[in-house]
N, C-alpha and C. Protein backbone atom coordinates (compact mmCIF):
# COMPACT_ATOMS: atom_id res chain seq x y z
N UNK A 1 -67.24 0.11 40.41
CA UNK A 1 -66.04 0.17 40.17
C UNK A 1 -65.51 1.22 40.94
N UNK A 2 -64.35 1.04 41.26
CA UNK A 2 -63.31 1.76 42.49
C UNK A 2 -62.88 3.28 42.27
N UNK A 3 -62.97 3.41 42.89
CA UNK A 3 -62.62 5.51 42.86
C UNK A 3 -61.79 5.91 41.45
N UNK A 4 -60.31 4.74 41.47
CA UNK A 4 -59.60 5.50 40.70
C UNK A 4 -60.02 5.24 38.99
N UNK A 5 -60.56 3.73 39.05
CA UNK A 5 -61.02 3.24 37.65
C UNK A 5 -62.25 4.81 37.25
N UNK A 6 -62.95 4.91 38.35
CA UNK A 6 -64.01 5.77 37.42
C UNK A 6 -63.63 7.45 37.17
N UNK A 7 -62.09 7.83 38.13
CA UNK A 7 -61.50 9.00 37.52
C UNK A 7 -60.96 8.71 36.33
N UNK A 8 -60.76 7.60 35.87
CA UNK A 8 -60.07 7.20 34.70
C UNK A 8 -61.22 7.34 33.29
N UNK A 9 -61.90 6.61 33.99
CA UNK A 9 -63.17 6.75 32.50
C UNK A 9 -63.52 8.23 32.22
N UNK A 10 -64.02 8.77 33.69
CA UNK A 10 -63.99 10.37 33.13
C UNK A 10 -63.16 11.26 32.89
N UNK A 11 -61.92 10.51 32.52
CA UNK A 11 -61.08 11.61 31.93
C UNK A 11 -60.85 10.62 30.18
N UNK A 12 -61.46 9.44 30.50
CA UNK A 12 -61.68 9.40 28.85
C UNK A 12 -62.46 9.63 28.45
N UNK A 13 -63.77 9.86 28.87
CA UNK A 13 -64.95 10.55 28.69
C UNK A 13 -64.36 12.76 28.09
N UNK A 14 -63.59 12.92 29.33
CA UNK A 14 -63.82 14.49 29.06
C UNK A 14 -62.36 14.28 27.66
N UNK A 15 -61.83 13.44 27.53
CA UNK A 15 -60.80 13.30 26.14
C UNK A 15 -61.95 13.27 24.69
N UNK A 16 -62.42 12.52 25.03
CA UNK A 16 -63.12 12.43 24.09
C UNK A 16 -63.98 13.30 23.40
N UNK A 17 -64.95 14.17 24.70
CA UNK A 17 -65.70 15.21 24.42
C UNK A 17 -65.15 16.24 24.06
N UNK A 18 -63.53 16.53 24.39
CA UNK A 18 -62.66 17.92 24.29
C UNK A 18 -61.67 17.41 22.75
N UNK A 19 -61.54 16.54 22.33
CA UNK A 19 -60.60 16.03 21.15
C UNK A 19 -59.36 15.70 21.05
N UNK A 20 -59.29 15.13 22.84
CA UNK A 20 -58.45 14.28 23.10
C UNK A 20 -56.99 14.48 24.30
N UNK A 21 -56.52 13.67 24.16
CA UNK A 21 -55.71 13.94 25.94
C UNK A 21 -54.65 15.20 25.84
N UNK A 22 -54.42 15.56 24.07
CA UNK A 22 -53.30 16.51 23.92
C UNK A 22 -53.89 18.04 24.13
N UNK A 23 -55.35 18.04 23.69
CA UNK A 23 -56.34 18.91 23.88
C UNK A 23 -56.68 19.28 25.22
N UNK A 24 -56.95 18.45 25.82
CA UNK A 24 -57.12 18.53 27.51
C UNK A 24 -55.95 19.37 27.98
N UNK A 25 -54.92 18.23 27.47
CA UNK A 25 -53.69 18.71 28.57
C UNK A 25 -53.38 20.11 28.39
N UNK A 26 -53.63 20.80 26.78
CA UNK A 26 -53.11 21.85 26.65
C UNK A 26 -53.79 22.92 27.39
N UNK A 27 -54.97 22.88 27.16
CA UNK A 27 -56.21 24.01 28.38
C UNK A 27 -55.94 23.63 29.21
N UNK A 28 -55.89 22.76 30.25
CA UNK A 28 -55.50 22.09 31.69
C UNK A 28 -54.37 23.19 32.21
N UNK A 29 -53.14 23.01 31.28
CA UNK A 29 -51.80 23.32 31.90
C UNK A 29 -50.90 22.12 32.41
N UNK A 30 -51.38 20.83 31.85
CA UNK A 30 -50.53 19.22 32.14
C UNK A 30 -50.28 18.93 31.16
N UNK A 31 -49.40 17.60 31.09
CA UNK A 31 -48.68 16.99 30.14
C UNK A 31 -50.08 16.32 29.24
N UNK A 32 -49.99 16.51 27.87
CA UNK A 32 -50.99 15.80 26.97
C UNK A 32 -50.40 14.17 27.14
N UNK A 33 -49.18 14.42 27.25
CA UNK A 33 -48.44 12.78 27.00
C UNK A 33 -48.70 11.99 28.31
N UNK A 34 -48.68 12.46 29.38
CA UNK A 34 -48.94 12.04 30.48
C UNK A 34 -51.06 11.60 30.50
N UNK A 35 -51.86 12.37 30.10
CA UNK A 35 -52.75 12.13 29.96
C UNK A 35 -53.50 10.70 28.83
N UNK A 36 -52.46 10.92 27.67
CA UNK A 36 -52.76 9.95 26.85
C UNK A 36 -52.08 8.36 27.44
N UNK A 37 -51.53 8.66 28.14
CA UNK A 37 -50.93 7.74 29.07
C UNK A 37 -51.47 7.02 30.15
N UNK A 38 -52.75 7.62 30.66
CA UNK A 38 -53.32 7.39 31.66
C UNK A 38 -54.77 6.87 31.00
N UNK A 39 -55.02 7.62 29.89
CA UNK A 39 -56.42 7.00 29.04
C UNK A 39 -56.22 5.54 28.48
N UNK A 40 -54.85 5.53 28.24
CA UNK A 40 -54.53 3.92 27.20
C UNK A 40 -54.16 2.90 28.65
N UNK A 41 -54.23 3.54 29.68
CA UNK A 41 -53.72 2.12 30.57
C UNK A 41 -52.41 1.88 30.75
N UNK A 42 -51.27 2.66 30.07
CA UNK A 42 -50.01 2.87 30.40
C UNK A 42 -50.15 2.05 31.94
N UNK A 43 -48.82 1.30 31.96
CA UNK A 43 -48.40 0.96 33.39
C UNK A 43 -47.62 1.33 33.96
N UNK A 44 -47.35 1.40 35.39
CA UNK A 44 -46.23 2.09 36.14
C UNK A 44 -45.08 1.01 36.21
N UNK A 45 -43.79 1.11 36.47
CA UNK A 45 -42.94 -0.45 37.09
C UNK A 45 -43.64 -1.16 37.53
N UNK A 46 -44.17 -0.36 38.90
CA UNK A 46 -44.78 -1.92 39.68
C UNK A 46 -46.13 -2.53 38.79
N UNK A 47 -46.50 -2.48 37.96
CA UNK A 47 -47.21 -3.30 36.83
C UNK A 47 -48.57 -2.52 37.12
N UNK A 48 -48.98 -1.47 38.21
CA UNK A 48 -50.20 -0.85 37.75
C UNK A 48 -50.97 0.28 36.79
N UNK A 49 -51.56 0.31 36.40
CA UNK A 49 -52.02 1.25 35.60
C UNK A 49 -51.64 2.54 36.01
N UNK A 50 -51.65 3.92 35.21
CA UNK A 50 -51.49 4.90 35.89
C UNK A 50 -52.62 5.34 36.58
N UNK A 51 -52.79 6.61 36.78
CA UNK A 51 -53.82 7.38 37.21
C UNK A 51 -53.55 8.14 37.47
N UNK A 52 -54.58 9.30 37.75
CA UNK A 52 -54.76 10.68 37.67
C UNK A 52 -54.50 10.80 39.27
N UNK A 53 -53.37 12.13 39.33
CA UNK A 53 -52.55 12.45 40.33
C UNK A 53 -53.19 13.48 41.23
N UNK A 54 -53.09 13.38 42.21
CA UNK A 54 -53.92 14.86 43.06
C UNK A 54 -53.38 16.05 42.30
N UNK A 55 -52.12 16.50 41.75
CA UNK A 55 -51.58 17.28 40.95
C UNK A 55 -52.67 17.52 39.56
N UNK A 56 -52.42 16.60 38.76
CA UNK A 56 -53.47 16.55 37.68
C UNK A 56 -54.61 16.64 37.79
N UNK A 57 -55.27 16.39 38.99
CA UNK A 57 -56.78 16.43 39.16
C UNK A 57 -57.26 17.81 39.44
N UNK A 58 -56.48 18.53 40.54
CA UNK A 58 -56.81 19.51 40.41
C UNK A 58 -56.41 20.91 39.06
N UNK A 59 -55.32 20.47 38.36
CA UNK A 59 -55.64 21.33 37.40
C UNK A 59 -56.47 21.26 36.27
N UNK A 60 -56.78 19.59 36.56
CA UNK A 60 -58.23 19.61 35.05
C UNK A 60 -59.38 20.16 35.75
N UNK A 61 -59.46 19.94 37.36
CA UNK A 61 -60.90 20.60 37.58
C UNK A 61 -60.97 21.77 37.70
N UNK A 62 -60.02 22.66 37.81
CA UNK A 62 -59.36 24.35 37.23
C UNK A 62 -60.17 24.66 36.17
N UNK A 63 -60.04 23.59 35.00
CA UNK A 63 -60.38 23.76 33.57
C UNK A 63 -61.58 23.90 33.52
N UNK A 64 -61.56 22.60 33.62
CA UNK A 64 -63.20 21.69 33.68
C UNK A 64 -63.77 21.38 34.55
N UNK A 65 -64.64 22.29 35.23
CA UNK A 65 -65.42 22.09 36.47
C UNK A 65 -66.34 21.15 36.59
N UNK A 66 -65.99 19.93 38.10
CA UNK A 66 -67.79 18.88 37.04
C UNK A 66 -66.50 17.71 36.20
N UNK A 67 -65.35 17.84 36.05
CA UNK A 67 -65.11 16.74 34.67
C UNK A 67 -65.55 15.18 35.45
N UNK A 68 -65.15 15.04 36.82
CA UNK A 68 -64.75 13.71 37.57
C UNK A 68 -66.65 13.34 37.53
N UNK A 69 -67.55 14.13 36.97
CA UNK A 69 -68.96 13.77 36.91
C UNK A 69 -69.49 13.08 35.58
N UNK A 70 -68.43 13.18 35.11
CA UNK A 70 -68.55 12.80 33.80
C UNK A 70 -68.96 10.70 33.47
N UNK A 71 -69.92 10.21 33.98
CA UNK A 71 -70.07 9.13 34.12
C UNK A 71 -69.67 8.30 32.55
N UNK A 72 -69.27 7.43 32.29
CA UNK A 72 -69.15 6.31 31.57
C UNK A 72 -70.74 6.47 30.68
N UNK A 73 -71.68 6.16 30.89
CA UNK A 73 -72.58 6.01 30.40
C UNK A 73 -73.00 7.06 29.44
N UNK A 74 -72.51 8.56 29.57
CA UNK A 74 -72.03 9.34 28.85
C UNK A 74 -71.54 9.20 27.06
N UNK A 75 -70.38 8.17 27.45
CA UNK A 75 -69.48 7.80 26.54
C UNK A 75 -70.59 7.16 24.96
N UNK A 76 -71.77 6.89 25.77
CA UNK A 76 -72.35 5.66 24.68
C UNK A 76 -73.19 6.52 23.34
N UNK A 77 -72.73 8.23 22.86
CA UNK A 77 -73.51 8.77 22.26
C UNK A 77 -72.22 9.93 22.05
N UNK A 78 -70.92 9.10 21.58
CA UNK A 78 -70.11 10.31 21.61
C UNK A 78 -69.95 11.96 20.79
N UNK A 79 -69.77 12.76 21.15
CA UNK A 79 -69.98 14.02 20.18
C UNK A 79 -68.31 14.06 19.42
N UNK A 80 -69.11 14.68 18.07
CA UNK A 80 -68.54 14.28 16.88
C UNK A 80 -68.10 15.81 16.66
N UNK A 81 -66.78 15.95 16.64
CA UNK A 81 -65.84 17.24 16.61
C UNK A 81 -66.34 17.99 15.45
N UNK A 82 -66.18 19.11 15.53
CA UNK A 82 -67.00 19.98 14.50
C UNK A 82 -66.26 19.72 12.94
N UNK A 83 -64.73 19.33 13.28
CA UNK A 83 -63.82 19.08 12.05
C UNK A 83 -63.08 18.17 12.75
N UNK A 84 -63.51 16.64 12.07
CA UNK A 84 -62.79 15.57 12.49
C UNK A 84 -61.86 15.24 11.93
N UNK A 85 -61.59 15.39 10.48
CA UNK A 85 -60.22 15.48 9.99
C UNK A 85 -58.86 16.11 10.70
N UNK A 86 -59.07 17.17 11.47
CA UNK A 86 -58.43 18.01 12.52
C UNK A 86 -57.72 16.81 13.62
N UNK A 87 -58.61 16.03 14.41
CA UNK A 87 -58.66 14.77 15.24
C UNK A 87 -58.44 14.13 15.09
N UNK A 88 -58.79 13.22 13.67
CA UNK A 88 -57.92 11.76 13.31
C UNK A 88 -56.75 12.62 13.20
N UNK A 89 -56.59 13.15 12.38
CA UNK A 89 -54.77 13.06 12.08
C UNK A 89 -54.13 13.55 13.25
N UNK A 90 -54.54 14.13 14.17
CA UNK A 90 -53.66 14.45 15.71
C UNK A 90 -53.35 13.22 16.32
N UNK A 91 -54.92 12.71 16.52
CA UNK A 91 -54.85 11.44 16.72
C UNK A 91 -54.14 9.64 16.29
N UNK A 92 -53.87 10.30 15.26
CA UNK A 92 -52.67 9.33 14.47
C UNK A 92 -51.14 9.82 14.95
N UNK A 93 -50.86 11.18 14.82
CA UNK A 93 -49.83 11.40 15.69
C UNK A 93 -49.51 10.91 17.28
N UNK A 94 -50.62 11.43 17.75
CA UNK A 94 -50.38 11.78 19.45
C UNK A 94 -50.60 9.98 19.34
N UNK A 95 -51.24 8.95 18.59
CA UNK A 95 -50.73 7.43 19.13
C UNK A 95 -49.14 7.39 18.84
N UNK A 96 -48.59 7.61 17.58
CA UNK A 96 -47.11 7.35 16.65
C UNK A 96 -46.36 7.81 18.48
N UNK A 97 -46.16 8.80 18.43
CA UNK A 97 -45.46 9.40 19.60
C UNK A 97 -45.85 9.14 20.82
N UNK A 98 -47.48 8.91 21.17
CA UNK A 98 -47.05 8.38 22.67
C UNK A 98 -46.65 6.87 22.97
N UNK A 99 -46.88 6.74 21.75
CA UNK A 99 -46.14 4.57 21.67
C UNK A 99 -44.33 4.47 21.80
N UNK A 100 -43.67 5.99 21.45
CA UNK A 100 -42.14 5.83 22.25
C UNK A 100 -41.75 6.31 23.13
N UNK A 101 -43.06 7.07 23.73
CA UNK A 101 -42.78 6.98 25.76
C UNK A 101 -42.00 6.32 26.23
N UNK A 102 -42.49 4.80 26.50
CA UNK A 102 -41.76 4.15 26.83
C UNK A 102 -40.46 4.08 26.25
N UNK A 103 -40.10 3.86 25.50
CA UNK A 103 -38.77 3.52 24.77
C UNK A 103 -37.53 4.73 25.39
N UNK A 104 -38.15 5.63 25.65
CA UNK A 104 -37.31 7.10 26.26
C UNK A 104 -36.75 6.64 27.74
N UNK A 105 -35.50 7.07 28.18
CA UNK A 105 -35.34 6.98 29.30
C UNK A 105 -35.82 7.82 30.16
N UNK A 106 -35.74 6.99 31.31
CA UNK A 106 -36.86 7.76 32.11
C UNK A 106 -36.53 9.37 32.39
N UNK A 107 -34.58 9.48 32.85
CA UNK A 107 -34.78 10.96 32.89
C UNK A 107 -34.61 11.76 32.04
N UNK A 108 -35.21 11.24 31.22
CA UNK A 108 -35.52 12.05 29.64
C UNK A 108 -36.79 12.12 29.13
N UNK A 109 -37.85 11.32 29.92
CA UNK A 109 -39.12 11.55 29.55
C UNK A 109 -39.84 12.85 30.15
N UNK A 110 -39.84 13.44 30.82
CA UNK A 110 -40.04 14.96 30.90
C UNK A 110 -39.72 16.05 29.91
N UNK A 111 -38.80 15.61 29.27
CA UNK A 111 -38.30 16.79 28.26
C UNK A 111 -39.01 15.77 26.71
N UNK A 112 -39.11 14.65 26.61
CA UNK A 112 -39.92 13.94 25.63
C UNK A 112 -41.23 14.70 25.59
N UNK A 113 -41.87 14.60 26.67
CA UNK A 113 -42.95 15.47 26.99
C UNK A 113 -43.38 16.16 26.31
N UNK A 114 -42.68 17.00 26.96
CA UNK A 114 -42.89 19.08 26.25
C UNK A 114 -42.29 18.53 24.82
N UNK A 115 -41.57 17.68 24.23
CA UNK A 115 -41.09 18.03 22.71
C UNK A 115 -42.58 17.88 22.06
N UNK A 116 -43.38 16.28 22.70
CA UNK A 116 -44.60 16.06 22.01
C UNK A 116 -45.43 17.27 21.93
N UNK A 117 -45.93 17.82 23.37
CA UNK A 117 -46.65 18.45 23.25
C UNK A 117 -46.32 19.48 22.21
N UNK A 118 -45.03 20.35 22.19
CA UNK A 118 -44.61 21.37 20.79
C UNK A 118 -45.03 20.98 19.56
N UNK A 119 -45.04 19.39 19.52
CA UNK A 119 -45.00 18.93 17.76
C UNK A 119 -46.75 18.95 17.96
N UNK A 120 -47.09 18.59 18.66
CA UNK A 120 -48.91 18.32 18.88
C UNK A 120 -48.81 19.67 18.14
N UNK A 121 -48.72 20.84 18.94
CA UNK A 121 -49.66 21.98 19.36
C UNK A 121 -49.30 22.14 17.65
N UNK A 122 -48.39 22.67 17.12
CA UNK A 122 -47.81 23.05 16.00
C UNK A 122 -48.36 22.55 14.67
N UNK A 123 -48.57 20.88 14.84
CA UNK A 123 -49.55 20.15 14.26
C UNK A 123 -51.10 20.61 14.06
N UNK A 124 -51.21 20.63 15.28
CA UNK A 124 -52.87 20.89 15.58
C UNK A 124 -53.03 22.62 14.95
N UNK A 125 -52.15 23.39 15.15
CA UNK A 125 -52.20 24.96 14.40
C UNK A 125 -51.92 24.97 12.68
N UNK A 126 -51.15 23.77 12.69
CA UNK A 126 -51.36 23.97 11.03
C UNK A 126 -52.69 23.18 10.46
N UNK A 127 -52.85 21.99 10.51
CA UNK A 127 -53.69 21.45 10.38
C UNK A 127 -55.30 22.99 10.39
N UNK A 128 -55.39 23.25 12.13
CA UNK A 128 -56.70 24.31 11.63
C UNK A 128 -56.82 25.89 10.92
N UNK A 129 -55.12 26.36 10.78
CA UNK A 129 -55.05 26.99 9.46
C UNK A 129 -55.56 26.68 7.81
N UNK A 130 -55.15 25.19 7.83
CA UNK A 130 -55.48 24.68 6.73
C UNK A 130 -56.92 24.38 6.57
N UNK A 131 -57.76 24.26 7.51
CA UNK A 131 -59.32 23.41 7.51
C UNK A 131 -59.63 25.11 7.17
N UNK A 132 -58.99 26.17 8.32
CA UNK A 132 -59.87 27.42 7.21
C UNK A 132 -59.83 28.36 6.36
N UNK A 133 -58.44 27.52 5.56
CA UNK A 133 -58.09 28.00 4.60
C UNK A 133 -58.91 27.66 3.37
N UNK A 134 -59.81 26.31 3.90
CA UNK A 134 -60.91 25.99 2.33
C UNK A 134 -61.95 26.43 2.01
N UNK A 135 -62.36 26.14 1.11
CA UNK A 135 -63.38 27.23 0.55
C UNK A 135 -65.27 26.36 1.19
């Protein structure tokens, strides 16, 4: 496996372990939409799939030391989130919003990614509040 795909596989494993690309992005201080695109294999204009750039890798390492060492074999036994309904709902929203990213004009994508992150944070907060209020 080449280093680029190994890094992407490690990111996929990290996102599965931590609740998805938007949760990882929020903790690391990077775009959750960008992480979603990387994990889903969204292609660049060159036709190559997006990879983890130096800036993103550095931010991920600061937030999740050793994340690059997460081997794909660890994915065989995924960690089940404590509150799966929150993650399932957020995943559905993330897939829907992430699918729109390609339709946004290039000069508006950064703004769209910020908007998606704000929506996902508000949605996550609402779902967590709802889950905590249940008996």
